[in-house]
Each structure stands twice: as C-alpha cells, then as structure tokens.
Amino acid sequence: MKIWQIELTNKCNFTCTYCPRTESMTRSIGQMNEATINRIADICSSEWIRLHHYGESLLYPKLAVKAIQAFKLKGIKVGI
C-alpha cells in the first residue's frame, strides 16, 4: 500500500530531543496553503494521506480541517 505523507506545517510547539526539527532543521518555518492542498488532492494516486512530518499539523486546526475535507472529497483516507 502506497501512502503519501504531507507536511501541513513544519512549525511545532515542542522541542523533542529526538526530533531533527529541534536541533538541525535549517529550512524556514511555514505552512501549506489551501491551493497546494487542493492540488495534492487532485493528483494523489494513493488511497491514504498522512498529515505529519516535522511539524504539528494541528497547530493550524482550520487548515487541517480543510485538508481533511479536500482529501475525503476525493475518496482519500486521512491519518494524522
């Protein structure tokens, strides 16, 4: 089973010592926009999407809900 993993944001309110984001991440902090989420939903070739990576997806609850809705409309299962 192929699972796409996307990062709604790379911002996180924790500083876990085991997470590379805490000590070594050098890219700028930001979040995905709705247009990008919709584009991913349109091109996704997987039945699953996971909303996580180095950031905490639920820091932006409205964005997380919009992403979940966009993927569900396309029949894609969403995990957090």
PDB file of N, CA and C in Angstrom:
ATOM      1  N   MET A   1       0.857  -1.180   0.000  1.00  0.00           N
ATOM      2  CA  MET A   1       0.000   0.000   0.000  1.00  0.00           C
ATOM      3  C   MET A   1       0.898   1.237   0.000  1.00  0.00           C
ATOM      4  N   LYS A   2       0.647   2.121  -0.935  1.00  0.00           N
ATOM      5  CA  LYS A   2       1.393   3.376  -1.018  1.00  0.00           C
ATOM      6  C   LYS A   2       0.674   4.432  -0.183  1.00  0.00           C
ATOM      7  N   ILE A   3       1.419   5.124   0.652  1.00  0.00           N
ATOM      8  CA  ILE A   3       0.859   6.185   1.486  1.00  0.00           C
ATOM      9  C   ILE A   3       1.634   7.467   1.225  1.00  0.00           C
ATOM     10  N   TRP A   4       0.899   8.516   0.888  1.00  0.00           N
ATOM     11  CA  TRP A   4       1.537   9.827   0.741  1.00  0.00           C
ATOM     12  C   TRP A   4       1.593  10.470   2.114  1.00  0.00           C
ATOM     13  N   GLN A   5       2.688  11.123   2.392  1.00  0.00           N
ATOM     14  CA  GLN A   5       2.863  11.838   3.648  1.00  0.00           C
ATOM     15  C   GLN A   5       3.122  13.299   3.312  1.00  0.00           C
ATOM     16  N   ILE A   6       2.289  14.182   3.841  1.00  0.00           N
ATOM     17  CA  ILE A   6       2.500  15.610   3.584  1.00  0.00           C
ATOM     18  C   ILE A   6       2.635  16.359   4.897  1.00  0.00           C
ATOM     19  N   GLU A   7       3.272  17.479   4.811  1.00  0.00           N
ATOM     20  CA  GLU A   7       3.563  18.305   5.975  1.00  0.00           C
ATOM     21  C   GLU A   7       2.775  19.607   5.842  1.00  0.00           C
ATOM     22  N   LEU A   8       1.656  19.709   6.553  1.00  0.00           N
ATOM     23  CA  LEU A   8       0.868  20.942   6.506  1.00  0.00           C
ATOM     24  C   LEU A   8       1.673  22.119   7.024  1.00  0.00           C
ATOM     25  N   THR A   9       2.494  21.869   8.010  1.00  0.00           N
ATOM     26  CA  THR A   9       3.378  22.887   8.569  1.00  0.00           C
ATOM     27  C   THR A   9       4.631  22.204   9.095  1.00  0.00           C
ATOM     28  N   ASN A  10       5.713  22.941   9.168  1.00  0.00           N
ATOM     29  CA  ASN A  10       6.904  22.412   9.825  1.00  0.00           C
ATOM     30  C   ASN A  10       7.115  23.121  11.167  1.00  0.00           C
ATOM     31  N   LYS A  11       6.100  23.845  11.599  1.00  0.00           N
ATOM     32  CA  LYS A  11       6.141  24.504  12.898  1.00  0.00           C
ATOM     33  C   LYS A  11       5.688  23.502  13.964  1.00  0.00           C
ATOM     34  N   CYS A  12       6.311  23.564  15.123  1.00  0.00           N
ATOM     35  CA  CYS A  12       5.940  22.671  16.217  1.00  0.00           C
ATOM     36  C   CYS A  12       6.136  23.401  17.540  1.00  0.00           C
ATOM     37  N   ASN A  13       5.247  23.129  18.475  1.00  0.00           N
ATOM     38  CA  ASN A  13       5.330  23.785  19.776  1.00  0.00           C
ATOM     39  C   ASN A  13       6.099  22.952  20.801  1.00  0.00           C
ATOM     40  N   PHE A  14       6.686  21.856  20.377  1.00  0.00           N
ATOM     41  CA  PHE A  14       7.510  21.033  21.264  1.00  0.00           C
ATOM     42  C   PHE A  14       8.967  21.133  20.856  1.00  0.00           C
ATOM     43  N   THR A  15       9.857  20.729  21.723  1.00  0.00           N
ATOM     44  CA  THR A  15      11.285  20.683  21.417  1.00  0.00           C
ATOM     45  C   THR A  15      11.827  19.307  21.809  1.00  0.00           C
ATOM     46  N   CYS A  16      11.297  18.281  21.178  1.00  0.00           N
ATOM     47  CA  CYS A  16      11.697  16.904  21.476  1.00  0.00           C
ATOM     48  C   CYS A  16      13.155  16.693  21.078  1.00  0.00           C
ATOM     49  N   THR A  17      13.924  16.126  21.967  1.00  0.00           N
ATOM     50  CA  THR A  17      15.359  15.951  21.724  1.00  0.00           C
ATOM     51  C   THR A  17      15.648  14.970  20.595  1.00  0.00           C
ATOM     52  N   TYR A  18      14.755  14.048  20.314  1.00  0.00           N
ATOM     53  CA  TYR A  18      14.981  13.055  19.269  1.00  0.00           C
ATOM     54  C   TYR A  18      14.555  13.544  17.878  1.00  0.00           C
ATOM     55  N   CYS A  19      13.918  14.699  17.806  1.00  0.00           N
ATOM     56  CA  CYS A  19      13.398  15.188  16.526  1.00  0.00           C
ATOM     57  C   CYS A  19      14.436  16.063  15.824  1.00  0.00           C
ATOM     58  N   PRO A  20      14.737  15.776  14.549  1.00  0.00           N
ATOM     59  CA  PRO A  20      15.699  16.601  13.817  1.00  0.00           C
ATOM     60  C   PRO A  20      15.256  18.060  13.690  1.00  0.00           C
ATOM     61  N   ARG A  21      13.948  18.304  13.743  1.00  0.00           N
ATOM     62  CA  ARG A  21      13.445  19.671  13.638  1.00  0.00           C
ATOM     63  C   ARG A  21      13.961  20.538  14.776  1.00  0.00           C
ATOM     64  N   THR A  22      14.115  19.955  15.945  1.00  0.00           N
ATOM     65  CA  THR A  22      14.539  20.696  17.135  1.00  0.00           C
ATOM     66  C   THR A  22      15.963  21.220  17.018  1.00  0.00           C
ATOM     67  N   GLU A  23      16.865  20.394  16.531  1.00  0.00           N
ATOM     68  CA  GLU A  23      18.285  20.742  16.549  1.00  0.00           C
ATOM     69  C   GLU A  23      18.899  21.076  15.191  1.00  0.00           C
ATOM     70  N   SER A  24      18.446  20.429  14.117  1.00  0.00           N
ATOM     71  CA  SER A  24      19.207  20.548  12.878  1.00  0.00           C
ATOM     72  C   SER A  24      18.432  21.055  11.664  1.00  0.00           C
ATOM     73  N   MET A  25      17.154  21.295  11.779  1.00  0.00           N
ATOM     74  CA  MET A  25      16.398  21.771  10.622  1.00  0.00           C
ATOM     75  C   MET A  25      16.790  23.216  10.307  1.00  0.00           C
ATOM     76  N   THR A  26      17.148  23.445   9.057  1.00  0.00           N
ATOM     77  CA  THR A  26      17.594  24.790   8.683  1.00  0.00           C
ATOM     78  C   THR A  26      16.622  25.502   7.748  1.00  0.00           C
ATOM     79  N   ARG A  27      15.615  24.804   7.235  1.00  0.00           N
ATOM     80  CA  ARG A  27      14.670  25.473   6.326  1.00  0.00           C
ATOM     81  C   ARG A  27      13.729  26.387   7.105  1.00  0.00           C
ATOM     82  N   SER A  28      13.189  27.360   6.425  1.00  0.00           N
ATOM     83  CA  SER A  28      12.321  28.318   7.101  1.00  0.00           C
ATOM     84  C   SER A  28      11.013  27.653   7.539  1.00  0.00           C
ATOM     85  N   ILE A  29      10.410  28.227   8.560  1.00  0.00           N
ATOM     86  CA  ILE A  29       9.174  27.698   9.136  1.00  0.00           C
ATOM     87  C   ILE A  29       7.985  28.305   8.402  1.00  0.00           C
ATOM     88  N   GLY A  30       7.010  27.469   8.085  1.00  0.00           N
ATOM     89  CA  GLY A  30       5.828  27.952   7.391  1.00  0.00           C
ATOM     90  C   GLY A  30       4.741  26.897   7.364  1.00  0.00           C
ATOM     91  N   GLN A  31       3.682  27.194   6.623  1.00  0.00           N
ATOM     92  CA  GLN A  31       2.609  26.217   6.468  1.00  0.00           C
ATOM     93  C   GLN A  31       2.138  26.203   5.029  1.00  0.00           C
ATOM     94  N   MET A  32       1.485  25.110   4.670  1.00  0.00           N
ATOM     95  CA  MET A  32       0.955  24.929   3.331  1.00  0.00           C
ATOM     96  C   MET A  32      -0.266  25.823   3.142  1.00  0.00           C
ATOM     97  N   ASN A  33      -0.568  26.172   1.908  1.00  0.00           N
ATOM     98  CA  ASN A  33      -1.776  26.950   1.656  1.00  0.00           C
ATOM     99  C   ASN A  33      -2.853  26.047   1.045  1.00  0.00           C
ATOM    100  N   GLU A  34      -4.081  26.543   0.990  1.00  0.00           N
ATOM    101  CA  GLU A  34      -5.208  25.753   0.502  1.00  0.00           C
ATOM    102  C   GLU A  34      -5.049  25.339  -0.954  1.00  0.00           C
ATOM    103  N   ALA A  35      -4.480  26.206  -1.773  1.00  0.00           N
ATOM    104  CA  ALA A  35      -4.287  25.877  -3.187  1.00  0.00           C
ATOM    105  C   ALA A  35      -3.380  24.661  -3.339  1.00  0.00           C
ATOM    106  N   THR A  36      -2.335  24.595  -2.551  1.00  0.00           N
ATOM    107  CA  THR A  36      -1.423  23.453  -2.606  1.00  0.00           C
ATOM    108  C   THR A  36      -2.119  22.186  -2.125  1.00  0.00           C
ATOM    109  N   ILE A  37      -2.895  22.299  -1.068  1.00  0.00           N
ATOM    110  CA  ILE A  37      -3.646  21.144  -0.560  1.00  0.00           C
ATOM    111  C   ILE A  37      -4.586  20.613  -1.640  1.00  0.00           C
ATOM    112  N   ASN A  38      -5.317  21.516  -2.301  1.00  0.00           N
ATOM    113  CA  ASN A  38      -6.247  21.101  -3.350  1.00  0.00           C
ATOM    114  C   ASN A  38      -5.517  20.459  -4.527  1.00  0.00           C
ATOM    115  N   ARG A  39      -4.358  20.989  -4.869  1.00  0.00           N
ATOM    116  CA  ARG A  39      -3.565  20.409  -5.969  1.00  0.00           C
ATOM    117  C   ARG A  39      -3.117  19.000  -5.602  1.00  0.00           C
ATOM    118  N   ILE A  40      -2.667  18.808  -4.368  1.00  0.00           N
ATOM    119  CA  ILE A  40      -2.246  17.471  -3.920  1.00  0.00           C
ATOM    120  C   ILE A  40      -3.429  16.508  -3.971  1.00  0.00           C
ATOM    121  N   ALA A  41      -4.591  16.969  -3.527  1.00  0.00           N
ATOM    122  CA  ALA A  41      -5.797  16.127  -3.573  1.00  0.00           C
ATOM    123  C   ALA A  41      -6.118  15.730  -5.005  1.00  0.00           C
ATOM    124  N   ASP A  42      -5.910  16.632  -5.949  1.00  0.00           N
ATOM    125  CA  ASP A  42      -6.199  16.353  -7.357  1.00  0.00           C
ATOM    126  C   ASP A  42      -5.248  15.328  -7.972  1.00  0.00           C
ATOM    127  N   ILE A  43      -3.994  15.344  -7.567  1.00  0.00           N
ATOM    128  CA  ILE A  43      -3.001  14.471  -8.204  1.00  0.00           C
ATOM    129  C   ILE A  43      -2.668  13.221  -7.392  1.00  0.00           C
ATOM    130  N   CYS A  44      -3.197  13.110  -6.199  1.00  0.00           N
ATOM    131  CA  CYS A  44      -2.846  11.994  -5.320  1.00  0.00           C
ATOM    132  C   CYS A  44      -3.224  10.662  -5.966  1.00  0.00           C
ATOM    133  N   SER A  45      -2.272   9.742  -5.992  1.00  0.00           N
ATOM    134  CA  SER A  45      -2.504   8.422  -6.560  1.00  0.00           C
ATOM    135  C   SER A  45      -2.507   7.341  -5.480  1.00  0.00           C
ATOM    136  N   SER A  46      -2.766   7.750  -4.264  1.00  0.00           N
ATOM    137  CA  SER A  46      -2.781   6.821  -3.139  1.00  0.00           C
ATOM    138  C   SER A  46      -4.156   6.836  -2.486  1.00  0.00           C
ATOM    139  N   GLU A  47      -4.493   5.760  -1.805  1.00  0.00           N
ATOM    140  CA  GLU A  47      -5.756   5.755  -1.071  1.00  0.00           C
ATOM    141  C   GLU A  47      -5.595   6.341   0.335  1.00  0.00           C
ATOM    142  N   TRP A  48      -4.354   6.606   0.737  1.00  0.00           N
ATOM    143  CA  TRP A  48      -4.074   7.162   2.067  1.00  0.00           C
ATOM    144  C   TRP A  48      -3.176   8.393   1.973  1.00  0.00           C
ATOM    145  N   ILE A  49      -3.459   9.362   2.839  1.00  0.00           N
ATOM    146  CA  ILE A  49      -2.566  10.517   3.053  1.00  0.00           C
ATOM    147  C   ILE A  49      -2.369  10.636   4.557  1.00  0.00           C
ATOM    148  N   ARG A  50      -1.148  10.871   4.966  1.00  0.00           N
ATOM    149  CA  ARG A  50      -0.849  11.115   6.380  1.00  0.00           C
ATOM    150  C   ARG A  50      -0.396  12.563   6.522  1.00  0.00           C
ATOM    151  N   LEU A  51      -0.993  13.258   7.476  1.00  0.00           N
ATOM    152  CA  LEU A  51      -0.687  14.672   7.699  1.00  0.00           C
ATOM    153  C   LEU A  51       0.309  14.808   8.847  1.00  0.00           C
ATOM    154  N   HIS A  52       1.556  14.574   8.541  1.00  0.00           N
ATOM    155  CA  HIS A  52       2.589  14.775   9.557  1.00  0.00           C
ATOM    156  C   HIS A  52       3.958  14.741   8.911  1.00  0.00           C
ATOM    157  N   HIS A  53       4.908  15.161   9.604  1.00  0.00           N
ATOM    158  CA  HIS A  53       6.317  15.050   9.263  1.00  0.00           C
ATOM    159  C   HIS A  53       7.071  15.744  10.384  1.00  0.00           C
ATOM    160  N   TYR A  54       7.716  16.863  10.130  1.00  0.00           N
ATOM    161  CA  TYR A  54       8.443  17.542  11.201  1.00  0.00           C
ATOM    162  C   TYR A  54       7.585  18.546  11.958  1.00  0.00           C
ATOM    163  N   GLY A  55       6.412  18.844  11.487  1.00  0.00           N
ATOM    164  CA  GLY A  55       5.569  19.843  12.135  1.00  0.00           C
ATOM    165  C   GLY A  55       4.362  19.232  12.810  1.00  0.00           C
ATOM    166  N   GLU A  56       3.664  20.034  13.559  1.00  0.00           N
ATOM    167  CA  GLU A  56       2.443  19.622  14.245  1.00  0.00           C
ATOM    168  C   GLU A  56       1.253  20.142  13.447  1.00  0.00           C
ATOM    169  N   SER A  57       0.616  19.258  12.695  1.00  0.00           N
ATOM    170  CA  SER A  57      -0.484  19.638  11.794  1.00  0.00           C
ATOM    171  C   SER A  57      -1.631  20.332  12.511  1.00  0.00           C
ATOM    172  N   LEU A  58      -1.844  20.023  13.762  1.00  0.00           N
ATOM    173  CA  LEU A  58      -2.991  20.579  14.481  1.00  0.00           C
ATOM    174  C   LEU A  58      -2.726  21.959  15.088  1.00  0.00           C
ATOM    175  N   LEU A  59      -1.548  22.524  14.841  1.00  0.00           N
ATOM    176  CA  LEU A  59      -1.319  23.911  15.260  1.00  0.00           C
ATOM    177  C   LEU A  59      -2.202  24.871  14.473  1.00  0.00           C
ATOM    178  N   TYR A  60      -2.603  24.440  13.288  1.00  0.00           N
ATOM    179  CA  TYR A  60      -3.492  25.230  12.438  1.00  0.00           C
ATOM    180  C   TYR A  60      -4.755  24.400  12.187  1.00  0.00           C
ATOM    181  N   PRO A  61      -5.653  24.334  13.170  1.00  0.00           N
ATOM    182  CA  PRO A  61      -6.807  23.444  13.063  1.00  0.00           C
ATOM    183  C   PRO A  61      -7.693  23.711  11.849  1.00  0.00           C
ATOM    184  N   LYS A  62      -7.889  24.963  11.474  1.00  0.00           N
ATOM    185  CA  LYS A  62      -8.732  25.266  10.306  1.00  0.00           C
ATOM    186  C   LYS A  62      -8.097  24.714   9.032  1.00  0.00           C
ATOM    187  N   LEU A  63      -6.777  24.832   8.923  1.00  0.00           N
ATOM    188  CA  LEU A  63      -6.071  24.298   7.765  1.00  0.00           C
ATOM    189  C   LEU A  63      -6.147  22.770   7.746  1.00  0.00           C
ATOM    190  N   ALA A  64      -6.002  22.149   8.906  1.00  0.00           N
ATOM    191  CA  ALA A  64      -6.100  20.690   8.993  1.00  0.00           C
ATOM    192  C   ALA A  64      -7.490  20.213   8.576  1.00  0.00           C
ATOM    193  N   VAL A  65      -8.523  20.897   9.023  1.00  0.00           N
ATOM    194  CA  VAL A  65      -9.892  20.520   8.658  1.00  0.00           C
ATOM    195  C   VAL A  65     -10.097  20.685   7.149  1.00  0.00           C
ATOM    196  N   LYS A  66      -9.604  21.782   6.576  1.00  0.00           N
ATOM    197  CA  LYS A  66      -9.735  21.993   5.124  1.00  0.00           C
ATOM    198  C   LYS A  66      -9.008  20.895   4.351  1.00  0.00           C
ATOM    199  N   ALA A  67      -7.834  20.497   4.834  1.00  0.00           N
ATOM    200  CA  ALA A  67      -7.085  19.429   4.173  1.00  0.00           C
ATOM    201  C   ALA A  67      -7.844  18.111   4.259  1.00  0.00           C
ATOM    202  N   ILE A  68      -8.328  17.784   5.426  1.00  0.00           N
ATOM    203  CA  ILE A  68      -9.079  16.543   5.603  1.00  0.00           C
ATOM    204  C   ILE A  68     -10.296  16.530   4.684  1.00  0.00           C
ATOM    205  N   GLN A  69     -11.011  17.633   4.616  1.00  0.00           N
ATOM    206  CA  GLN A  69     -12.193  17.714   3.748  1.00  0.00           C
ATOM    207  C   GLN A  69     -11.814  17.551   2.279  1.00  0.00           C
ATOM    208  N   ALA A  70     -10.745  18.205   1.858  1.00  0.00           N
ATOM    209  CA  ALA A  70     -10.320  18.131   0.456  1.00  0.00           C
ATOM    210  C   ALA A  70      -9.964  16.696   0.068  1.00  0.00           C
ATOM    211  N   PHE A  71      -9.259  15.992   0.953  1.00  0.00           N
ATOM    212  CA  PHE A  71      -8.856  14.626   0.634  1.00  0.00           C
ATOM    213  C   PHE A  71     -10.035  13.665   0.702  1.00  0.00           C
ATOM    214  N   LYS A  72     -10.890  13.841   1.681  1.00  0.00           N
ATOM    215  CA  LYS A  72     -12.068  12.980   1.806  1.00  0.00           C
ATOM    216  C   LYS A  72     -12.989  13.124   0.598  1.00  0.00           C
ATOM    217  N   LEU A  73     -13.126  14.347   0.069  1.00  0.00           N
ATOM    218  CA  LEU A  73     -13.947  14.553  -1.133  1.00  0.00           C
ATOM    219  C   LEU A  73     -13.442  13.741  -2.329  1.00  0.00           C
ATOM    220  N   LYS A  74     -12.146  13.477  -2.339  1.00  0.00           N
ATOM    221  CA  LYS A  74     -11.533  12.702  -3.432  1.00  0.00           C
ATOM    222  C   LYS A  74     -11.490  11.203  -3.096  1.00  0.00           C
ATOM    223  N   GLY A  75     -12.060  10.816  -1.950  1.00  0.00           N
ATOM    224  CA  GLY A  75     -12.068   9.407  -1.559  1.00  0.00           C
ATOM    225  C   GLY A  75     -10.770   8.926  -0.939  1.00  0.00           C
ATOM    226  N   ILE A  76      -9.956   9.871  -0.478  1.00  0.00           N
ATOM    227  CA  ILE A  76      -8.653   9.530   0.112  1.00  0.00           C
ATOM    228  C   ILE A  76      -8.807   9.461   1.635  1.00  0.00           C
ATOM    229  N   LYS A  77      -8.313   8.392   2.239  1.00  0.00           N
ATOM    230  CA  LYS A  77      -8.343   8.242   3.686  1.00  0.00           C
ATOM    231  C   LYS A  77      -7.228   9.090   4.283  1.00  0.00           C
ATOM    232  N   VAL A  78      -7.502   9.703   5.438  1.00  0.00           N
ATOM    233  CA  VAL A  78      -6.557  10.633   6.047  1.00  0.00           C
ATOM    234  C   VAL A  78      -6.164  10.137   7.436  1.00  0.00           C
ATOM    235  N   GLY A  79      -4.879  10.157   7.714  1.00  0.00           N
ATOM    236  CA  GLY A  79      -4.369   9.846   9.040  1.00  0.00           C
ATOM    237  C   GLY A  79      -3.549  11.009   9.558  1.00  0.00           C
ATOM    238  N   ILE A  80      -3.567  11.148  10.871  1.00  0.00           N
ATOM    239  CA  ILE A  80      -2.769  12.218  11.488  1.00  0.00           C
ATOM    240  C   ILE A  80      -1.766  11.563  12.428  1.00  0.00           C
TER     241      ILE A  80
END
